[in-house]
Amino acid sequence: MQVAQTWPAELLLRAQGIRLLLLDVDGVLTDGGLYYGEGGEVLKRFHTLDGHGLKLLGRAGIAVGVISGRDSPALRQRLAALGIQHARLGTEDKLPAAQALLQELGIDWPQTAAMGDDWPDLPLLRHAGLACAPANAHAEARALAAHVTALAGGAGAVRELCDLLLAAGGHYRRLLDQHLGPA
């Protein structure tokens, strides 16, 4: 079976050696909408394609960190379901939070990919070895991104980036073959 996805060679080269993916939440892992329930709780919609891609990154040994200006029970529940242990929530100044996480993990910025969609994410995109933005990101985020996904945030953009990282690291084919099993 042939792999259905192809990536430009220069993008694959840039994505090689990535050991950590940093993600924003609203507008990246979600569609950016905030849904308020009757009791005032915030509801968030996540895409299962993104979740499966993040699990595949874990199987490939690529760590995932989430840095968000917001914190909510819905977000914490989703991160726990995905096994994401590296989260800095409720932080408006994302760069110091990211730097502390990189130091904790022993990872440098060139080994880091980041996906963000708006101004609060720009410092992370500027420092990351691979900066990415979803298709519906603000113009400034798209301008800093080495890769803008074809898909929107909350609609599979994170999965697209996960697939790129898996392909660049030589993991995609192996994981796909494992999933398919013997012919």
C-alpha atoms as a PDB file:
ATOM      1  CA  MET A   1       0.000   0.000   0.000  1.00  0.00           C
ATOM      2  CA  GLN A   2       1.278   3.440  -0.877  1.00  0.00           C
ATOM      3  CA  VAL A   3       1.152   6.315   1.603  1.00  0.00           C
ATOM      4  CA  ALA A   4      -1.519   8.785   0.483  1.00  0.00           C
ATOM      5  CA  GLN A   5       0.220  11.931   1.729  1.00  0.00           C
ATOM      6  CA  THR A   6       3.206  13.716   0.286  1.00  0.00           C
ATOM      7  CA  TRP A   7       5.086  16.705   1.630  1.00  0.00           C
ATOM      8  CA  PRO A   8       7.519  19.159   0.021  1.00  0.00           C
ATOM      9  CA  ALA A   9      11.118  18.027   0.586  1.00  0.00           C
ATOM     10  CA  GLU A  10      12.146  21.323   2.208  1.00  0.00           C
ATOM     11  CA  LEU A  11       9.282  21.040   4.715  1.00  0.00           C
ATOM     12  CA  LEU A  12      10.210  17.457   5.579  1.00  0.00           C
ATOM     13  CA  LEU A  13      13.826  18.525   6.130  1.00  0.00           C
ATOM     14  CA  ARG A  14      12.720  21.341   8.411  1.00  0.00           C
ATOM     15  CA  ALA A  15      10.521  18.952  10.398  1.00  0.00           C
ATOM     16  CA  GLN A  16      13.253  16.353  10.929  1.00  0.00           C
ATOM     17  CA  GLY A  17      14.531  16.098  14.467  1.00  0.00           C
ATOM     18  CA  ILE A  18      11.423  17.603  16.080  1.00  0.00           C
ATOM     19  CA  ARG A  19      11.084  16.165  19.586  1.00  0.00           C
ATOM     20  CA  LEU A  20       8.312  18.395  20.967  1.00  0.00           C
ATOM     21  CA  LEU A  21       5.089  19.815  19.574  1.00  0.00           C
ATOM     22  CA  LEU A  22       3.692  22.867  21.364  1.00  0.00           C
ATOM     23  CA  LEU A  23       0.032  23.635  20.772  1.00  0.00           C
ATOM     24  CA  ASP A  24      -2.362  26.432  21.551  1.00  0.00           C
ATOM     25  CA  VAL A  25      -5.934  25.320  22.250  1.00  0.00           C
ATOM     26  CA  ASP A  26      -8.582  27.803  21.107  1.00  0.00           C
ATOM     27  CA  GLY A  27      -8.391  28.070  17.326  1.00  0.00           C
ATOM     28  CA  VAL A  28      -5.896  25.196  17.049  1.00  0.00           C
ATOM     29  CA  LEU A  29      -7.250  22.178  18.931  1.00  0.00           C
ATOM     30  CA  THR A  30     -10.732  23.727  18.742  1.00  0.00           C
ATOM     31  CA  ASP A  31     -12.540  25.822  16.177  1.00  0.00           C
ATOM     32  CA  GLY A  32     -11.958  28.881  18.339  1.00  0.00           C
ATOM     33  CA  GLY A  33     -15.565  29.190  19.415  1.00  0.00           C
ATOM     34  CA  LEU A  34     -16.401  29.369  23.090  1.00  0.00           C
ATOM     35  CA  TYR A  35     -19.675  27.729  24.023  1.00  0.00           C
ATOM     36  CA  TYR A  36     -21.195  28.725  27.348  1.00  0.00           C
ATOM     37  CA  GLY A  37     -23.657  26.459  29.101  1.00  0.00           C
ATOM     38  CA  GLU A  38     -26.552  27.564  31.257  1.00  0.00           C
ATOM     39  CA  GLY A  39     -24.394  27.421  34.370  1.00  0.00           C
ATOM     40  CA  GLY A  40     -21.635  29.475  32.772  1.00  0.00           C
ATOM     41  CA  GLU A  41     -19.321  26.538  32.066  1.00  0.00           C
ATOM     42  CA  VAL A  42     -17.257  26.674  28.906  1.00  0.00           C
ATOM     43  CA  LEU A  43     -17.801  23.870  26.431  1.00  0.00           C
ATOM     44  CA  LYS A  44     -15.220  23.059  23.769  1.00  0.00           C
ATOM     45  CA  ARG A  45     -15.432  20.963  20.618  1.00  0.00           C
ATOM     46  CA  PHE A  46     -12.377  18.841  19.781  1.00  0.00           C
ATOM     47  CA  HIS A  47     -11.778  16.813  16.616  1.00  0.00           C
ATOM     48  CA  THR A  48     -11.049  13.102  16.875  1.00  0.00           C
ATOM     49  CA  LEU A  49      -8.580  13.230  13.970  1.00  0.00           C
ATOM     50  CA  ASP A  50      -6.410  15.600  16.008  1.00  0.00           C
ATOM     51  CA  GLY A  51      -6.646  13.377  19.057  1.00  0.00           C
ATOM     52  CA  HIS A  52      -5.559  10.269  17.186  1.00  0.00           C
ATOM     53  CA  GLY A  53      -2.651  12.149  15.598  1.00  0.00           C
ATOM     54  CA  LEU A  54      -1.465  13.266  19.034  1.00  0.00           C
ATOM     55  CA  LYS A  55      -1.606   9.695  20.288  1.00  0.00           C
ATOM     56  CA  LEU A  56       0.471   8.605  17.284  1.00  0.00           C
ATOM     57  CA  LEU A  57       3.090  11.247  18.134  1.00  0.00           C
ATOM     58  CA  GLY A  58       3.356   9.728  21.597  1.00  0.00           C
ATOM     59  CA  ARG A  59       3.929   6.280  20.069  1.00  0.00           C
ATOM     60  CA  ALA A  60       6.699   7.814  17.965  1.00  0.00           C
ATOM     61  CA  GLY A  61       8.395   9.365  21.004  1.00  0.00           C
ATOM     62  CA  ILE A  62       7.481  12.969  20.151  1.00  0.00           C
ATOM     63  CA  ALA A  63       6.307  14.853  23.228  1.00  0.00           C
ATOM     64  CA  VAL A  64       3.272  17.145  23.151  1.00  0.00           C
ATOM     65  CA  GLY A  65       2.876  20.277  25.218  1.00  0.00           C
ATOM     66  CA  VAL A  66      -0.166  22.523  25.445  1.00  0.00           C
ATOM     67  CA  ILE A  67       0.138  26.186  26.347  1.00  0.00           C
ATOM     68  CA  SER A  68      -3.132  28.056  26.626  1.00  0.00           C
ATOM     69  CA  GLY A  69      -4.327  31.355  27.945  1.00  0.00           C
ATOM     70  CA  ARG A  70      -7.469  29.613  29.125  1.00  0.00           C
ATOM     71  CA  ASP A  71      -8.105  26.813  31.582  1.00  0.00           C
ATOM     72  CA  SER A  72     -11.292  24.811  31.864  1.00  0.00           C
ATOM     73  CA  PRO A  73     -12.508  21.446  33.128  1.00  0.00           C
ATOM     74  CA  ALA A  74     -13.409  20.483  29.538  1.00  0.00           C
ATOM     75  CA  LEU A  75      -9.851  21.148  28.386  1.00  0.00           C
ATOM     76  CA  ARG A  76      -8.305  19.286  31.298  1.00  0.00           C
ATOM     77  CA  GLN A  77     -10.555  16.312  30.627  1.00  0.00           C
ATOM     78  CA  ARG A  78      -9.573  16.194  26.942  1.00  0.00           C
ATOM     79  CA  LEU A  79      -5.847  16.464  27.704  1.00  0.00           C
ATOM     80  CA  ALA A  80      -6.139  13.657  30.248  1.00  0.00           C
ATOM     81  CA  ALA A  81      -7.993  11.461  27.734  1.00  0.00           C
ATOM     82  CA  LEU A  82      -5.166  12.007  25.242  1.00  0.00           C
ATOM     83  CA  GLY A  83      -2.457  11.353  27.843  1.00  0.00           C
ATOM     84  CA  ILE A  84      -0.967  14.841  27.439  1.00  0.00           C
ATOM     85  CA  GLN A  85       0.984  15.520  30.606  1.00  0.00           C
ATOM     86  CA  HIS A  86       2.775  18.720  29.634  1.00  0.00           C
ATOM     87  CA  ALA A  87       0.279  21.546  29.919  1.00  0.00           C
ATOM     88  CA  ARG A  88       0.588  25.136  31.007  1.00  0.00           C
ATOM     89  CA  LEU A  89      -2.942  26.474  31.280  1.00  0.00           C
ATOM     90  CA  GLY A  90      -4.276  29.912  32.148  1.00  0.00           C
ATOM     91  CA  THR A  91      -1.067  31.658  31.118  1.00  0.00           C
ATOM     92  CA  GLU A  92      -1.252  34.797  28.990  1.00  0.00           C
ATOM     93  CA  ASP A  93       2.523  35.116  28.568  1.00  0.00           C
ATOM     94  CA  LYS A  94       3.261  31.902  26.724  1.00  0.00           C
ATOM     95  CA  LEU A  95       6.981  32.269  26.014  1.00  0.00           C
ATOM     96  CA  PRO A  96       8.218  31.885  29.625  1.00  0.00           C
ATOM     97  CA  ALA A  97       5.874  28.936  30.098  1.00  0.00           C
ATOM     98  CA  ALA A  98       7.257  27.300  26.947  1.00  0.00           C
ATOM     99  CA  GLN A  99      10.871  27.995  27.918  1.00  0.00           C
ATOM    100  CA  ALA A 100      10.307  26.385  31.317  1.00  0.00           C
ATOM    101  CA  LEU A 101       8.774  23.326  29.656  1.00  0.00           C
ATOM    102  CA  LEU A 102      11.643  23.004  27.178  1.00  0.00           C
ATOM    103  CA  GLN A 103      14.152  23.236  30.021  1.00  0.00           C
ATOM    104  CA  GLU A 104      12.229  20.628  32.017  1.00  0.00           C
ATOM    105  CA  LEU A 105      12.261  18.245  29.034  1.00  0.00           C
ATOM    106  CA  GLY A 106      15.839  19.014  27.962  1.00  0.00           C
ATOM    107  CA  ILE A 107      14.720  20.117  24.503  1.00  0.00           C
ATOM    108  CA  ASP A 108      15.953  23.129  22.525  1.00  0.00           C
ATOM    109  CA  TRP A 109      13.885  25.441  20.325  1.00  0.00           C
ATOM    110  CA  PRO A 110      15.257  23.984  17.038  1.00  0.00           C
ATOM    111  CA  GLN A 111      13.814  20.602  18.132  1.00  0.00           C
ATOM    112  CA  THR A 112      10.395  22.144  18.737  1.00  0.00           C
ATOM    113  CA  ALA A 113       7.401  22.607  16.474  1.00  0.00           C
ATOM    114  CA  ALA A 114       4.660  25.016  17.478  1.00  0.00           C
ATOM    115  CA  MET A 115       1.170  25.638  16.154  1.00  0.00           C
ATOM    116  CA  GLY A 116      -0.702  28.805  17.012  1.00  0.00           C
ATOM    117  CA  ASP A 117      -3.402  30.930  15.502  1.00  0.00           C
ATOM    118  CA  ASP A 118      -3.233  34.444  16.973  1.00  0.00           C
ATOM    119  CA  TRP A 119      -1.043  37.119  18.534  1.00  0.00           C
ATOM    120  CA  PRO A 120      -0.540  35.390  21.919  1.00  0.00           C
ATOM    121  CA  ASP A 121       1.152  32.530  20.023  1.00  0.00           C
ATOM    122  CA  LEU A 122       3.515  34.649  17.929  1.00  0.00           C
ATOM    123  CA  PRO A 123       6.510  34.469  20.331  1.00  0.00           C
ATOM    124  CA  LEU A 124       6.309  30.654  20.256  1.00  0.00           C
ATOM    125  CA  LEU A 125       6.077  30.594  16.476  1.00  0.00           C
ATOM    126  CA  ARG A 126       9.055  32.933  16.222  1.00  0.00           C
ATOM    127  CA  HIS A 127      11.264  30.724  18.406  1.00  0.00           C
ATOM    128  CA  ALA A 128      10.171  27.270  17.192  1.00  0.00           C
ATOM    129  CA  GLY A 129      12.280  25.251  14.804  1.00  0.00           C
ATOM    130  CA  LEU A 130       9.077  24.602  12.856  1.00  0.00           C
ATOM    131  CA  ALA A 131       6.288  27.177  13.118  1.00  0.00           C
ATOM    132  CA  CYS A 132       2.845  26.173  11.890  1.00  0.00           C
ATOM    133  CA  ALA A 133      -0.582  27.755  11.740  1.00  0.00           C
ATOM    134  CA  PRO A 134      -4.023  26.406  10.884  1.00  0.00           C
ATOM    135  CA  ALA A 135      -5.690  27.631   7.695  1.00  0.00           C
ATOM    136  CA  ASN A 136      -8.029  29.938   9.631  1.00  0.00           C
ATOM    137  CA  ALA A 137      -5.295  31.571  11.733  1.00  0.00           C
ATOM    138  CA  HIS A 138      -4.833  35.325  11.968  1.00  0.00           C
ATOM    139  CA  ALA A 139      -2.691  36.803   9.182  1.00  0.00           C
ATOM    140  CA  GLU A 140       0.272  37.474  11.509  1.00  0.00           C
ATOM    141  CA  ALA A 141       0.397  33.818  12.610  1.00  0.00           C
ATOM    142  CA  ARG A 142       0.192  32.622   9.015  1.00  0.00           C
ATOM    143  CA  ALA A 143       3.000  35.035   8.058  1.00  0.00           C
ATOM    144  CA  LEU A 144       5.363  33.540  10.671  1.00  0.00           C
ATOM    145  CA  ALA A 145       4.481  29.951   9.825  1.00  0.00           C
ATOM    146  CA  ALA A 146       6.760  27.758   7.746  1.00  0.00           C
ATOM    147  CA  HIS A 147       3.657  25.641   7.140  1.00  0.00           C
ATOM    148  CA  VAL A 148       0.010  26.678   7.035  1.00  0.00           C
ATOM    149  CA  THR A 149      -2.260  23.657   7.102  1.00  0.00           C
ATOM    150  CA  ALA A 150      -4.946  23.067   4.511  1.00  0.00           C
ATOM    151  CA  LEU A 151      -7.404  22.397   7.338  1.00  0.00           C
ATOM    152  CA  ALA A 152      -8.782  24.793   9.921  1.00  0.00           C
ATOM    153  CA  GLY A 153      -8.201  24.681  13.651  1.00  0.00           C
ATOM    154  CA  GLY A 154     -10.527  22.193  15.313  1.00  0.00           C
ATOM    155  CA  ALA A 155     -11.119  20.509  11.944  1.00  0.00           C
ATOM    156  CA  GLY A 156      -8.026  18.331  11.571  1.00  0.00           C
ATOM    157  CA  ALA A 157      -5.227  20.934  11.330  1.00  0.00           C
ATOM    158  CA  VAL A 158      -3.340  19.376  14.237  1.00  0.00           C
ATOM    159  CA  ARG A 159      -3.599  15.917  12.652  1.00  0.00           C
ATOM    160  CA  GLU A 160      -2.131  17.331   9.445  1.00  0.00           C
ATOM    161  CA  LEU A 161       0.852  18.608  11.432  1.00  0.00           C
ATOM    162  CA  CYS A 162       1.158  15.315  13.336  1.00  0.00           C
ATOM    163  CA  ASP A 163       1.280  13.419  10.039  1.00  0.00           C
ATOM    164  CA  LEU A 164       3.994  15.754   8.766  1.00  0.00           C
ATOM    165  CA  LEU A 165       6.090  15.237  11.906  1.00  0.00           C
ATOM    166  CA  LEU A 166       5.599  11.467  11.721  1.00  0.00           C
ATOM    167  CA  ALA A 167       6.638  11.394   8.062  1.00  0.00           C
ATOM    168  CA  ALA A 168       9.678  13.610   8.645  1.00  0.00           C
ATOM    169  CA  GLY A 169      10.813  11.451  11.543  1.00  0.00           C
ATOM    170  CA  GLY A 170      10.429   8.223   9.576  1.00  0.00           C
ATOM    171  CA  HIS A 171       7.563   6.956  11.771  1.00  0.00           C
ATOM    172  CA  TYR A 172       4.509   7.358   9.546  1.00  0.00           C
ATOM    173  CA  ARG A 173       4.914   4.270   7.370  1.00  0.00           C
ATOM    174  CA  ARG A 174       5.848   2.037  10.318  1.00  0.00           C
ATOM    175  CA  LEU A 175       2.832   3.144  12.353  1.00  0.00           C
ATOM    176  CA  LEU A 176       0.500   2.754   9.378  1.00  0.00           C
ATOM    177  CA  ASP A 177       1.827  -0.742   8.644  1.00  0.00           C
ATOM    178  CA  GLN A 178       1.413  -1.705  12.322  1.00  0.00           C
ATOM    179  CA  HIS A 179      -2.169  -0.478  12.247  1.00  0.00           C
ATOM    180  CA  LEU A 180      -3.006  -2.319   9.007  1.00  0.00           C
ATOM    181  CA  GLY A 181      -1.439  -5.590  10.158  1.00  0.00           C
ATOM    182  CA  PRO A 182      -0.545  -8.408   7.788  1.00  0.00           C
ATOM    183  CA  ALA A 183      -1.995  -8.286   4.282  1.00  0.00           C
END
